[in-house]
């Protein structure tokens, strides 16, 4: 299993960097939209659609393999279980 994870580490890292870039682009896009709307009374057209359809999807789902490969994901419904 360790060999498989070592082999997959570069694609996993690439997905993480793509997700980070999407997050940065999303912040810039929204900032430009707000600044344009506030300062020039001319918002950047299609910001809501582009952010929700592309940036958020990429930023939410691409880092998933990295978190599963390094720590795993667990959930507990018992607040007093240790």
Protein backbone atom coordinates (compact mmCIF):
# COMPACT_ATOMS: atom_id res chain seq x y z
CA UNK A 1 0.00 0.00 0.00
CA UNK A 2 2.90 2.34 0.73
CA UNK A 3 4.26 1.90 -2.79
CA UNK A 4 0.87 2.75 -4.26
CA UNK A 5 0.60 5.91 -2.18
CA UNK A 6 4.15 6.90 -3.13
CA UNK A 7 3.26 6.44 -6.80
CA UNK A 8 0.06 8.48 -6.45
CA UNK A 9 1.59 11.30 -4.41
CA UNK A 10 2.47 13.51 -7.40
CA UNK A 11 -1.05 13.43 -8.91
CA UNK A 12 -2.52 14.01 -5.44
CA UNK A 13 -0.23 17.02 -4.94
CA UNK A 14 -1.19 18.34 -8.38
CA UNK A 15 -4.89 18.13 -7.48
CA UNK A 16 -4.20 20.03 -4.27
CA UNK A 17 -2.36 22.81 -6.11
CA UNK A 18 -5.15 23.08 -8.68
CA UNK A 19 -7.68 23.39 -5.84
CA UNK A 20 -5.55 26.07 -4.17
CA UNK A 21 -5.34 28.00 -7.44
CA UNK A 22 -9.12 27.74 -7.86
CA UNK A 23 -9.58 29.12 -4.35
CA UNK A 24 -7.28 32.03 -5.11
CA UNK A 25 -9.01 32.75 -8.42
CA UNK A 26 -12.38 32.58 -6.68
CA UNK A 27 -11.28 35.16 -4.11
CA UNK A 28 -9.92 37.45 -6.83
CA UNK A 29 -13.04 37.08 -8.94
CA UNK A 30 -15.35 37.95 -6.05
CA UNK A 31 -13.11 40.85 -4.99
CA UNK A 32 -13.16 42.29 -8.51
CA UNK A 33 -16.94 41.91 -8.59
CA UNK A 34 -17.46 43.66 -5.25
CA UNK A 35 -14.99 46.42 -6.07
CA UNK A 36 -16.58 46.98 -9.47
CA UNK A 37 -20.05 47.07 -7.99
CA UNK A 38 -19.06 49.39 -5.14
CA UNK A 39 -16.63 51.77 -6.82
CA UNK A 40 -17.83 51.89 -10.42
CA UNK A 41 -21.45 50.75 -10.14
CA UNK A 42 -20.64 48.09 -12.74
CA UNK A 43 -20.38 44.52 -11.40
CA UNK A 44 -18.43 41.76 -13.10
CA UNK A 45 -21.05 39.82 -15.06
CA UNK A 46 -21.67 36.16 -14.20
CA UNK A 47 -19.68 36.05 -10.98
CA UNK A 48 -22.25 34.05 -9.02
CA UNK A 49 -22.65 31.44 -11.75
CA UNK A 50 -18.92 31.04 -12.41
CA UNK A 51 -17.97 30.90 -8.73
CA UNK A 52 -20.67 28.39 -7.80
CA UNK A 53 -20.36 26.19 -10.89
CA UNK A 54 -16.59 26.03 -11.25
CA UNK A 55 -14.43 27.45 -8.47
CA UNK A 56 -16.37 26.01 -5.54
CA UNK A 57 -16.65 22.56 -7.10
CA UNK A 58 -12.93 22.40 -7.84
CA UNK A 59 -11.93 23.81 -4.44
CA UNK A 60 -14.25 21.42 -2.60
CA UNK A 61 -13.61 18.12 -4.38
CA UNK A 62 -10.05 18.12 -5.72
CA UNK A 63 -8.25 18.11 -2.34
CA UNK A 64 -10.24 15.04 -1.25
CA UNK A 65 -7.74 12.36 -2.29
CA UNK A 66 -4.96 14.12 -0.39
CA UNK A 67 -6.85 14.12 2.87
CA UNK A 68 -7.83 10.49 2.47
CA UNK A 69 -4.30 9.40 1.57
CA UNK A 70 -2.59 11.06 4.52
CA UNK A 71 -4.93 10.94 7.52
CA UNK A 72 -8.09 9.24 6.47
CA UNK A 73 -11.53 10.56 7.22
CA UNK A 74 -13.55 9.46 10.19
CA UNK A 75 -16.82 10.60 11.65
CA UNK A 76 -18.30 9.99 15.06
CA UNK A 77 -21.86 10.50 16.16
CA UNK A 78 -21.12 9.87 19.84
CA UNK A 79 -19.94 12.93 21.73
CA UNK A 80 -18.76 10.95 24.78
CA UNK A 81 -17.00 8.15 22.91
CA UNK A 82 -13.25 8.13 23.26
